[in-house]
Amino acid sequence: MEVTRSIVGRMNGFLYRCRNDKAYSMIFMAGDVPSLTCLPSEAFTRPNGKSYAALTHPDDLGQVYDAVDAALATRTNWVVDYRIRRADGTDCWVHEVGGGVWTANELLYLEGVVIDCDDDKRTELRNAALLAAISEQASILLSDTVPIVEILRTLRILAINSRLEAGRAGPAGAAFGFVAKEVSLLADETSVLADHISLVTGKLQGLLKAG
C-alpha cells in the first residue's frame, strides 16, 4: 500500500473505481482529486455523493458514454479525452484510460485512471485550428492563381502572334515589330513564371490532399 500511495502521489490525476451507472458513482478515488476537480475525493465517494458524470462537460458526456459502452461490449479498455467542469467554474481537459472489472459473466465495477492533459490538449486544438486556417487560405490562393496562370499563358500566345504579324508587315511594320519584340521578351519571362506557379500550386494541392 505504501508503494501504491507513493506512486499515486506523483500523479497529476487520480485512480478510481465506480459503478456502471449514468452517474459513474464513485466507490474509490486515490490521487490528486482536489487539484483536478476542486473537490475532495469524499465529495464523490460518500453515500449520495456528487455524480462524476455531472462534472463532465455536457458536450463531451455522450462520447464518454459511447467509449465506455463500446469497450465493455468487447471487454477491452476505453481511452477517451474529455473536459470536466471544476467546482470553481473552469474547464479542464483530462485523459482517461479505464476498463471493466468482471466475474465470469457479470460486470462488477469500472476502474481506471484520469490524468490532467489540459495544456497538451489545448495546444493540440490550437495547432489543429491553425492548420485548418492555413489550409483554407491555401485553397483560396490556389483558386486565385488559376486565372493568373491562364493570363500569363495567353500573353505568350499573343506575343507569338505579334511576332508573326510583324514579320508579315515587313519594313512598314518596324515600329510594330519593336513592340512585338518587347512583348515577346515579357512573354518569355512570364512563361517561366507561369510554369513555376503551376509547379508550386501542384505541390501545394498534393500537400492539402495528403493532409
C-alpha atoms as a PDB file:
ATOM      1  CA  MET A   1       0.000   0.000   0.000  1.00  0.00           C
ATOM      2  CA  GLU A   2       2.874   2.386   0.774  1.00  0.00           C
ATOM      3  CA  VAL A   3       4.275   1.843  -2.725  1.00  0.00           C
ATOM      4  CA  THR A   4       0.849   2.477  -4.244  1.00  0.00           C
ATOM      5  CA  ARG A   5       0.393   5.685  -2.256  1.00  0.00           C
ATOM      6  CA  SER A   6       3.848   6.874  -3.288  1.00  0.00           C
ATOM      7  CA  ILE A   7       3.181   6.270  -6.974  1.00  0.00           C
ATOM      8  CA  VAL A   8      -0.312   7.752  -6.875  1.00  0.00           C
ATOM      9  CA  GLY A   9       1.046  10.787  -5.037  1.00  0.00           C
ATOM     10  CA  ARG A  10       3.200  11.622  -8.067  1.00  0.00           C
ATOM     11  CA  MET A  11       0.276  11.566 -10.486  1.00  0.00           C
ATOM     12  CA  ASN A  12      -1.274  14.675 -11.932  1.00  0.00           C
ATOM     13  CA  GLY A  13      -4.611  12.926 -11.672  1.00  0.00           C
ATOM     14  CA  PHE A  14      -6.269  10.054  -9.835  1.00  0.00           C
ATOM     15  CA  LEU A  15      -7.215   6.382  -9.840  1.00  0.00           C
ATOM     16  CA  TYR A  16     -10.846   5.422  -9.429  1.00  0.00           C
ATOM     17  CA  ARG A  17     -13.334   2.605  -9.118  1.00  0.00           C
ATOM     18  CA  CYS A  18     -17.005   3.344  -9.739  1.00  0.00           C
ATOM     19  CA  ARG A  19     -20.354   1.764 -10.511  1.00  0.00           C
ATOM     20  CA  ASN A  20     -21.529   1.348 -14.074  1.00  0.00           C
ATOM     21  CA  ASP A  21     -24.427   3.767 -13.781  1.00  0.00           C
ATOM     22  CA  LYS A  22     -25.192   7.027 -15.541  1.00  0.00           C
ATOM     23  CA  ALA A  23     -23.686   8.999 -12.669  1.00  0.00           C
ATOM     24  CA  TYR A  24     -20.497   6.908 -12.600  1.00  0.00           C
ATOM     25  CA  SER A  25     -20.989   6.809  -8.829  1.00  0.00           C
ATOM     26  CA  MET A  26     -17.550   6.669  -7.239  1.00  0.00           C
ATOM     27  CA  ILE A  27     -16.616   3.952  -4.759  1.00  0.00           C
ATOM     28  CA  PHE A  28     -12.904   4.685  -4.512  1.00  0.00           C
ATOM     29  CA  MET A  29     -10.638   7.538  -5.621  1.00  0.00           C
ATOM     30  CA  ALA A  30      -6.922   7.949  -4.937  1.00  0.00           C
ATOM     31  CA  GLY A  31      -4.630  10.708  -6.109  1.00  0.00           C
ATOM     32  CA  ASP A  32      -4.822  14.432  -6.633  1.00  0.00           C
ATOM     33  CA  VAL A  33      -8.598  14.683  -6.904  1.00  0.00           C
ATOM     34  CA  PRO A  34      -8.766  18.197  -5.359  1.00  0.00           C
ATOM     35  CA  SER A  35      -6.390  19.803  -7.878  1.00  0.00           C
ATOM     36  CA  LEU A  36      -8.206  18.273 -10.816  1.00  0.00           C
ATOM     37  CA  THR A  37     -11.811  18.765  -9.680  1.00  0.00           C
ATOM     38  CA  CYS A  38     -11.574  21.457  -6.963  1.00  0.00           C
ATOM     39  CA  LEU A  39     -13.393  18.991  -4.700  1.00  0.00           C
ATOM     40  CA  PRO A  40     -12.158  16.418  -2.168  1.00  0.00           C
ATOM     41  CA  SER A  41     -12.498  12.764  -3.106  1.00  0.00           C
ATOM     42  CA  GLU A  42     -15.039  12.347  -0.289  1.00  0.00           C
ATOM     43  CA  ALA A  43     -17.428  14.609  -2.186  1.00  0.00           C
ATOM     44  CA  PHE A  44     -17.749  11.788  -4.728  1.00  0.00           C
ATOM     45  CA  THR A  45     -17.289   8.635  -2.628  1.00  0.00           C
ATOM     46  CA  ARG A  46     -19.577   9.375   0.321  1.00  0.00           C
ATOM     47  CA  PRO A  47     -23.165   7.994   0.285  1.00  0.00           C
ATOM     48  CA  ASN A  48     -25.268  10.001  -2.160  1.00  0.00           C
ATOM     49  CA  GLY A  49     -22.069  11.730  -3.230  1.00  0.00           C
ATOM     50  CA  LYS A  50     -21.623  14.018  -6.198  1.00  0.00           C
ATOM     51  CA  SER A  51     -22.044  12.465  -9.638  1.00  0.00           C
ATOM     52  CA  TYR A  52     -18.753  12.300 -11.530  1.00  0.00           C
ATOM     53  CA  ALA A  53     -20.684  12.255 -14.797  1.00  0.00           C
ATOM     54  CA  ALA A  54     -22.273  15.564 -13.789  1.00  0.00           C
ATOM     55  CA  LEU A  55     -18.761  17.011 -13.675  1.00  0.00           C
ATOM     56  CA  THR A  56     -18.191  16.065 -17.320  1.00  0.00           C
ATOM     57  CA  HIS A  57     -18.751  18.819 -19.877  1.00  0.00           C
ATOM     58  CA  PRO A  58     -22.201  18.256 -21.434  1.00  0.00           C
ATOM     59  CA  ASP A  59     -20.742  18.490 -24.944  1.00  0.00           C
ATOM     60  CA  ASP A  60     -18.369  15.611 -24.140  1.00  0.00           C
ATOM     61  CA  LEU A  61     -20.512  13.342 -21.961  1.00  0.00           C
ATOM     62  CA  GLY A  62     -22.049  11.489 -24.909  1.00  0.00           C
ATOM     63  CA  GLN A  63     -18.683  10.456 -26.294  1.00  0.00           C
ATOM     64  CA  VAL A  64     -17.596   9.270 -22.844  1.00  0.00           C
ATOM     65  CA  TYR A  65     -20.696   7.061 -22.551  1.00  0.00           C
ATOM     66  CA  ASP A  66     -20.079   5.742 -26.073  1.00  0.00           C
ATOM     67  CA  ALA A  67     -16.404   4.966 -25.397  1.00  0.00           C
ATOM     68  CA  VAL A  68     -17.184   3.133 -22.161  1.00  0.00           C
ATOM     69  CA  ASP A  69     -20.105   1.168 -23.630  1.00  0.00           C
ATOM     70  CA  ALA A  70     -18.102   0.136 -26.705  1.00  0.00           C
ATOM     71  CA  ALA A  71     -15.207  -1.092 -24.548  1.00  0.00           C
ATOM     72  CA  LEU A  72     -17.492  -3.006 -22.191  1.00  0.00           C
ATOM     73  CA  ALA A  73     -19.163  -4.711 -25.147  1.00  0.00           C
ATOM     74  CA  THR A  74     -15.794  -6.169 -26.172  1.00  0.00           C
ATOM     75  CA  ARG A  75     -14.250  -6.372 -22.691  1.00  0.00           C
ATOM     76  CA  THR A  76     -11.421  -4.073 -23.705  1.00  0.00           C
ATOM     77  CA  ASN A  77     -10.157  -0.778 -22.296  1.00  0.00           C
ATOM     78  CA  TRP A  78     -11.503   2.611 -23.290  1.00  0.00           C
ATOM     79  CA  VAL A  79      -9.312   5.622 -23.962  1.00  0.00           C
ATOM     80  CA  VAL A  80     -11.038   8.993 -24.122  1.00  0.00           C
ATOM     81  CA  ASP A  81     -10.263  12.703 -23.761  1.00  0.00           C
ATOM     82  CA  TYR A  82     -12.955  15.000 -22.397  1.00  0.00           C
ATOM     83  CA  ARG A  83     -13.491  18.154 -20.399  1.00  0.00           C
ATOM     84  CA  ILE A  84     -14.562  18.320 -16.797  1.00  0.00           C
ATOM     85  CA  ARG A  85     -16.102  21.382 -15.212  1.00  0.00           C
ATOM     86  CA  ARG A  86     -14.357  22.071 -11.946  1.00  0.00           C
ATOM     87  CA  ALA A  87     -16.160  23.305  -8.884  1.00  0.00           C
ATOM     88  CA  ASP A  88     -14.539  26.722  -9.406  1.00  0.00           C
ATOM     89  CA  GLY A  89     -16.267  27.031 -12.801  1.00  0.00           C
ATOM     90  CA  THR A  90     -13.224  26.408 -15.007  1.00  0.00           C
ATOM     91  CA  ASP A  91     -12.925  23.664 -17.622  1.00  0.00           C
ATOM     92  CA  CYS A  92     -10.053  21.186 -17.734  1.00  0.00           C
ATOM     93  CA  TRP A  93      -9.201  18.573 -20.366  1.00  0.00           C
ATOM     94  CA  VAL A  94      -8.468  15.110 -18.969  1.00  0.00           C
ATOM     95  CA  HIS A  95      -7.243  11.843 -20.470  1.00  0.00           C
ATOM     96  CA  GLU A  96      -8.894   8.673 -19.174  1.00  0.00           C
ATOM     97  CA  VAL A  97      -7.962   5.022 -19.595  1.00  0.00           C
ATOM     98  CA  GLY A  98     -10.280   2.509 -17.983  1.00  0.00           C
ATOM     99  CA  GLY A  99     -11.878  -0.904 -18.131  1.00  0.00           C
ATOM    100  CA  GLY A 100     -14.460  -3.151 -16.562  1.00  0.00           C
ATOM    101  CA  VAL A 101     -13.947  -5.453 -13.576  1.00  0.00           C
ATOM    102  CA  TRP A 102     -15.731  -8.720 -14.286  1.00  0.00           C
ATOM    103  CA  THR A 103     -16.575 -12.060 -12.772  1.00  0.00           C
ATOM    104  CA  ALA A 104     -17.049 -14.781 -15.355  1.00  0.00           C
ATOM    105  CA  ASN A 105     -20.339 -13.336 -16.579  1.00  0.00           C
ATOM    106  CA  GLU A 106     -21.032 -10.213 -14.553  1.00  0.00           C
ATOM    107  CA  LEU A 107     -19.705  -6.666 -14.637  1.00  0.00           C
ATOM    108  CA  LEU A 108     -18.879  -5.569 -11.103  1.00  0.00           C
ATOM    109  CA  TYR A 109     -17.226  -2.172 -11.432  1.00  0.00           C
ATOM    110  CA  LEU A 110     -15.493   0.277 -13.697  1.00  0.00           C
ATOM    111  CA  GLU A 111     -11.969   1.360 -12.846  1.00  0.00           C
ATOM    112  CA  GLY A 112      -9.237   3.412 -14.412  1.00  0.00           C
ATOM    113  CA  VAL A 113      -7.033   6.457 -14.288  1.00  0.00           C
ATOM    114  CA  VAL A 114      -7.833  10.108 -15.084  1.00  0.00           C
ATOM    115  CA  ILE A 115      -4.901  12.401 -15.913  1.00  0.00           C
ATOM    116  CA  ASP A 116      -4.770  16.172 -16.423  1.00  0.00           C
ATOM    117  CA  CYS A 117      -3.928  16.808 -20.105  1.00  0.00           C
ATOM    118  CA  ASP A 118      -5.265  20.356 -20.338  1.00  0.00           C
ATOM    119  CA  ASP A 119      -2.124  22.111 -21.603  1.00  0.00           C
ATOM    120  CA  ASP A 120      -1.313  19.456 -24.211  1.00  0.00           C
ATOM    121  CA  LYS A 121      -4.912  19.221 -25.426  1.00  0.00           C
ATOM    122  CA  ARG A 122      -5.354  22.965 -25.780  1.00  0.00           C
ATOM    123  CA  THR A 123      -2.064  23.170 -27.702  1.00  0.00           C
ATOM    124  CA  GLU A 124      -3.244  20.341 -29.949  1.00  0.00           C
ATOM    125  CA  LEU A 125      -6.559  22.099 -30.610  1.00  0.00           C
ATOM    126  CA  ARG A 126      -4.838  25.428 -31.325  1.00  0.00           C
ATOM    127  CA  ASN A 127      -2.484  23.736 -33.784  1.00  0.00           C
ATOM    128  CA  ALA A 128      -5.387  21.972 -35.476  1.00  0.00           C
ATOM    129  CA  ALA A 129      -7.287  25.255 -35.809  1.00  0.00           C
ATOM    130  CA  LEU A 130      -4.184  26.966 -37.196  1.00  0.00           C
ATOM    131  CA  LEU A 131      -3.646  24.173 -39.720  1.00  0.00           C
ATOM    132  CA  ALA A 132      -7.294  24.386 -40.794  1.00  0.00           C
ATOM    133  CA  ALA A 133      -6.986  28.159 -41.283  1.00  0.00           C
ATOM    134  CA  ILE A 134      -3.788  27.729 -43.309  1.00  0.00           C
ATOM    135  CA  SER A 135      -5.445  25.059 -45.454  1.00  0.00           C
ATOM    136  CA  GLU A 136      -8.420  27.336 -46.077  1.00  0.00           C
ATOM    137  CA  GLN A 137      -6.222  30.250 -47.145  1.00  0.00           C
ATOM    138  CA  ALA A 138      -4.080  27.945 -49.289  1.00  0.00           C
ATOM    139  CA  SER A 139      -7.215  26.727 -51.071  1.00  0.00           C
ATOM    140  CA  ILE A 140      -8.201  30.340 -51.780  1.00  0.00           C
ATOM    141  CA  LEU A 141      -4.687  31.048 -53.056  1.00  0.00           C
ATOM    142  CA  LEU A 142      -4.834  28.043 -55.361  1.00  0.00           C
ATOM    143  CA  SER A 143      -8.150  29.125 -56.842  1.00  0.00           C
ATOM    144  CA  ASP A 144      -6.832  32.675 -57.362  1.00  0.00           C
ATOM    145  CA  THR A 145      -3.669  31.552 -59.158  1.00  0.00           C
ATOM    146  CA  VAL A 146      -5.525  29.610 -61.847  1.00  0.00           C
ATOM    147  CA  PRO A 147      -6.725  32.703 -63.779  1.00  0.00           C
ATOM    148  CA  ILE A 148      -3.312  34.355 -63.305  1.00  0.00           C
ATOM    149  CA  VAL A 149      -1.576  31.411 -64.953  1.00  0.00           C
ATOM    150  CA  GLU A 150      -4.104  31.477 -67.794  1.00  0.00           C
ATOM    151  CA  ILE A 151      -3.485  35.199 -68.362  1.00  0.00           C
ATOM    152  CA  LEU A 152       0.278  34.661 -68.485  1.00  0.00           C
ATOM    153  CA  ARG A 153      -0.109  31.863 -70.993  1.00  0.00           C
ATOM    154  CA  THR A 154      -2.470  33.956 -73.106  1.00  0.00           C
ATOM    155  CA  LEU A 155       0.119  36.749 -73.124  1.00  0.00           C
ATOM    156  CA  ARG A 156       2.689  34.327 -74.515  1.00  0.00           C
ATOM    157  CA  ILE A 157       0.315  33.300 -77.309  1.00  0.00           C
ATOM    158  CA  LEU A 158      -0.321  36.971 -78.137  1.00  0.00           C
ATOM    159  CA  ALA A 159       3.438  37.595 -78.253  1.00  0.00           C
ATOM    160  CA  ILE A 160       3.925  34.773 -80.739  1.00  0.00           C
ATOM    161  CA  ASN A 161       1.102  36.137 -82.900  1.00  0.00           C
ATOM    162  CA  SER A 162       2.605  39.649 -82.695  1.00  0.00           C
ATOM    163  CA  ARG A 163       5.957  38.410 -83.998  1.00  0.00           C
ATOM    164  CA  LEU A 164       4.246  36.671 -86.894  1.00  0.00           C
ATOM    165  CA  GLU A 165       2.255  39.789 -87.797  1.00  0.00           C
ATOM    166  CA  ALA A 166       5.371  41.974 -87.562  1.00  0.00           C
ATOM    167  CA  GLY A 167       7.188  39.627 -89.923  1.00  0.00           C
ATOM    168  CA  ARG A 168       4.376  39.803 -92.461  1.00  0.00           C
ATOM    169  CA  ALA A 169       4.310  43.626 -92.313  1.00  0.00           C
ATOM    170  CA  GLY A 170       7.968  43.925 -93.351  1.00  0.00           C
ATOM    171  CA  PRO A 171       9.665  47.388 -93.124  1.00  0.00           C
ATOM    172  CA  ALA A 172       6.291  49.081 -92.734  1.00  0.00           C
ATOM    173  CA  GLY A 173       5.764  47.225 -89.509  1.00  0.00           C
ATOM    174  CA  ALA A 174       9.115  48.139 -87.928  1.00  0.00           C
ATOM    175  CA  ALA A 175       7.536  50.017 -85.042  1.00  0.00           C
ATOM    176  CA  PHE A 176       5.056  47.248 -84.545  1.00  0.00           C
ATOM    177  CA  GLY A 177       7.948  44.793 -84.675  1.00  0.00           C
ATOM    178  CA  PHE A 178       9.756  46.634 -81.874  1.00  0.00           C
ATOM    179  CA  VAL A 179       6.646  46.442 -79.691  1.00  0.00           C
ATOM    180  CA  ALA A 180       6.216  42.807 -80.621  1.00  0.00           C
ATOM    181  CA  LYS A 181       9.806  42.088 -79.586  1.00  0.00           C
ATOM    182  CA  GLU A 182       9.331  43.736 -76.188  1.00  0.00           C
ATOM    183  CA  VAL A 183       6.071  41.881 -75.674  1.00  0.00           C
ATOM    184  CA  SER A 184       7.839  38.672 -76.655  1.00  0.00           C
ATOM    185  CA  LEU A 185      10.587  39.212 -74.088  1.00  0.00           C
ATOM    186  CA  LEU A 186       7.971  39.900 -71.438  1.00  0.00           C
ATOM    187  CA  ALA A 187       6.059  36.818 -72.501  1.00  0.00           C
ATOM    188  CA  ASP A 188       9.171  34.655 -72.206  1.00  0.00           C
ATOM    189  CA  GLU A 189       9.690  35.855 -68.643  1.00  0.00           C
ATOM    190  CA  THR A 190       6.051  35.362 -67.698  1.00  0.00           C
ATOM    191  CA  SER A 191       6.052  31.912 -69.281  1.00  0.00           C
ATOM    192  CA  VAL A 192       8.769  30.807 -66.885  1.00  0.00           C
ATOM    193  CA  LEU A 193       6.801  32.380 -64.033  1.00  0.00           C
ATOM    194  CA  ALA A 194       3.608  30.617 -65.113  1.00  0.00           C
ATOM    195  CA  ASP A 195       5.384  27.259 -65.201  1.00  0.00           C
ATOM    196  CA  HIS A 196       6.823  27.898 -61.734  1.00  0.00           C
ATOM    197  CA  ILE A 197       3.426  28.896 -60.334  1.00  0.00           C
ATOM    198  CA  SER A 198       1.882  25.751 -61.816  1.00  0.00           C
ATOM    199  CA  LEU A 199       4.605  23.610 -60.233  1.00  0.00           C
ATOM    200  CA  VAL A 200       4.257  25.203 -56.802  1.00  0.00           C
ATOM    201  CA  THR A 201       0.447  25.119 -56.792  1.00  0.00           C
ATOM    202  CA  GLY A 202       0.543  21.484 -57.896  1.00  0.00           C
ATOM    203  CA  LYS A 203       2.752  20.586 -54.946  1.00  0.00           C
ATOM    204  CA  LEU A 204       0.533  22.594 -52.594  1.00  0.00           C
ATOM    205  CA  GLN A 205      -2.572  20.799 -53.835  1.00  0.00           C
ATOM    206  CA  GLY A 206      -0.847  17.479 -53.200  1.00  0.00           C
ATOM    207  CA  LEU A 207       0.030  18.501 -49.652  1.00  0.00           C
ATOM    208  CA  LEU A 208      -3.537  19.646 -48.937  1.00  0.00           C
ATOM    209  CA  LYS A 209      -4.967  16.358 -50.224  1.00  0.00           C
ATOM    210  CA  ALA A 210      -2.462  14.362 -48.181  1.00  0.00           C
ATOM    211  CA  GLY A 211      -3.351  16.377 -45.068  1.00  0.00           C
END
